[in-house]
Amino acid sequence: MSIVQRLSLLPVVILLLLTLGCAEQSEEQGKDKPHVRGMITDFEEERGQVLIENKEDGGVDPGPVWISLSKDAELIVGGEIVAVSLDETLVGRSAEVWINGVIAQSYPPQTKAVKMVIH
């Protein structure tokens, strides 16, 4: 391969490296931003779910969303990690939720949290 051919590949290689670097950065930023954020308005005891009135579009359409905890979910209440499940005492509090990406196409939608922070 001649030097001219090698130099012509240089911009392609640089562009590829830049693209990969930007993809990693935006993926890391997405992990920091909650997918659902809003007020807990209801609790369903039978399913162990809370209904959150999603106010911001963080990956899930705004509107109500039923949230339950996944098996290994991290639940943080008042700044402390807790080992309890969701209950009716959380109604009226604000929450931030990170999900695994799977959302049931129901109304309201339903999903499982991998991390939930209750304020």
Protein backbone atom coordinates (compact mmCIF):
# COMPACT_ATOMS: atom_id res chain seq x y z
CA MET A 1 0.00 0.00 0.00
CA SER A 2 1.49 3.35 -1.00
CA ILE A 3 1.85 6.32 1.33
CA VAL A 4 -0.90 8.19 -0.55
CA GLN A 5 -3.36 5.34 0.00
CA ARG A 6 -2.45 5.18 3.69
CA LEU A 7 -2.92 8.93 4.09
CA SER A 8 -6.30 8.76 2.36
CA LEU A 9 -7.46 6.28 5.02
CA LEU A 10 -6.37 8.56 7.88
CA PRO A 11 -9.54 10.76 7.86
CA VAL A 12 -11.71 7.63 7.87
CA VAL A 13 -9.86 6.20 10.87
CA ILE A 14 -10.06 9.52 12.75
CA LEU A 15 -13.79 9.82 12.03
CA LEU A 16 -14.36 6.27 13.26
CA LEU A 17 -12.48 6.95 16.51
CA LEU A 18 -14.39 10.18 17.09
CA THR A 19 -17.71 8.41 16.48
CA LEU A 20 -16.88 5.64 18.94
CA GLY A 21 -15.77 8.16 21.57
CA CYS A 22 -18.95 10.20 21.23
CA ALA A 23 -21.14 7.08 21.42
CA GLU A 24 -19.55 6.05 24.72
CA GLN A 25 -19.98 9.55 26.15
CA SER A 26 -23.68 9.80 25.24
CA GLU A 27 -24.30 6.28 26.62
CA GLU A 28 -22.71 7.32 29.93
CA GLN A 29 -24.77 10.51 30.00
CA GLY A 30 -27.94 8.47 29.41
CA LYS A 31 -27.18 6.36 32.48
CA ASP A 32 -27.13 9.47 34.64
CA LYS A 33 -30.45 10.85 33.46
CA PRO A 34 -33.59 9.15 34.82
CA HIS A 35 -36.03 7.71 32.30
CA VAL A 36 -39.07 8.61 34.42
CA ARG A 37 -39.33 11.57 36.79
CA GLY A 38 -42.41 12.81 38.60
CA MET A 39 -44.86 12.47 41.48
CA ILE A 40 -46.06 9.10 42.79
CA THR A 41 -49.84 9.32 42.59
CA ASP A 42 -51.04 5.78 43.34
CA PHE A 43 -49.99 2.37 44.68
CA GLU A 44 -51.22 -1.04 43.49
CA GLU A 45 -50.66 -3.51 46.32
CA GLU A 46 -51.46 -6.65 44.34
CA ARG A 47 -48.73 -5.97 41.76
CA GLY A 48 -46.39 -4.00 44.02
CA GLN A 49 -46.42 -1.05 41.62
CA VAL A 50 -46.47 2.70 42.00
CA LEU A 51 -48.03 5.04 39.45
CA ILE A 52 -45.78 7.95 38.60
CA GLU A 53 -47.09 10.98 36.73
CA ASN A 54 -44.09 11.35 34.42
CA LYS A 55 -43.47 15.06 33.89
CA GLU A 56 -40.29 14.96 31.83
CA ASP A 57 -39.39 13.11 28.67
CA GLY A 58 -36.34 11.10 29.70
CA GLY A 59 -36.94 8.23 27.33
CA VAL A 60 -40.53 7.43 28.33
CA ASP A 61 -43.42 9.48 26.97
CA PRO A 62 -44.77 12.01 29.47
CA GLY A 63 -47.84 10.82 31.33
CA PRO A 64 -48.59 8.17 33.95
CA VAL A 65 -46.37 5.07 34.15
CA TRP A 66 -46.77 2.03 36.41
CA ILE A 67 -43.40 1.14 37.93
CA SER A 68 -42.42 -2.01 39.78
CA LEU A 69 -38.96 -2.98 40.99
CA SER A 70 -36.85 -5.48 39.09
CA LYS A 71 -35.33 -8.36 41.05
CA ASP A 72 -32.01 -6.61 41.72
CA ALA A 73 -33.30 -3.03 41.77
CA GLU A 74 -31.68 -0.36 43.90
CA LEU A 75 -34.28 1.56 45.94
CA ILE A 76 -33.07 4.79 47.55
CA VAL A 77 -35.42 6.60 49.92
CA GLY A 78 -34.33 9.84 51.53
CA GLY A 79 -30.74 9.34 50.40
CA GLU A 80 -30.37 5.84 51.87
CA ILE A 81 -30.49 2.48 50.12
CA VAL A 82 -33.36 0.48 51.60
CA ALA A 83 -34.27 -3.20 51.42
CA VAL A 84 -38.04 -2.72 51.66
CA SER A 85 -40.52 -2.96 48.80
CA LEU A 86 -42.78 -0.27 47.40
CA ASP A 87 -45.81 0.64 49.50
CA GLU A 88 -48.61 3.19 49.91
CA THR A 89 -46.48 5.50 52.10
CA LEU A 90 -44.66 6.63 48.94
CA VAL A 91 -47.78 8.23 47.41
CA GLY A 92 -47.30 12.00 47.21
CA ARG A 93 -43.51 11.84 47.02
CA SER A 94 -41.39 12.63 43.98
CA ALA A 95 -39.35 9.91 42.29
CA GLU A 96 -36.67 9.40 39.68
CA VAL A 97 -36.56 6.04 37.92
CA TRP A 98 -34.04 4.29 35.70
CA ILE A 99 -35.43 1.37 33.72
CA ASN A 100 -33.98 -1.55 31.76
CA GLY A 101 -35.56 -0.34 28.53
CA VAL A 102 -38.53 -2.72 28.34
CA ILE A 103 -41.92 -0.99 28.51
CA ALA A 104 -45.24 -2.85 28.26
CA GLN A 105 -47.51 -1.27 25.66
CA SER A 106 -50.51 -0.83 27.92
CA TYR A 107 -52.27 2.24 29.21
CA PRO A 108 -50.74 3.44 31.34
CA PRO A 109 -47.46 1.83 30.29
CA GLN A 110 -45.76 -0.52 32.74
CA THR A 111 -42.06 -1.09 33.33
CA LYS A 112 -39.56 -2.32 35.90
CA ALA A 113 -37.07 -0.08 37.62
CA VAL A 114 -33.42 -1.01 37.96
CA LYS A 115 -32.95 2.04 40.18
CA MET A 116 -35.49 4.24 41.93
CA VAL A 117 -34.76 7.34 44.00
CA ILE A 118 -37.58 8.62 46.20
CA HIS A 119 -37.36 12.20 47.51
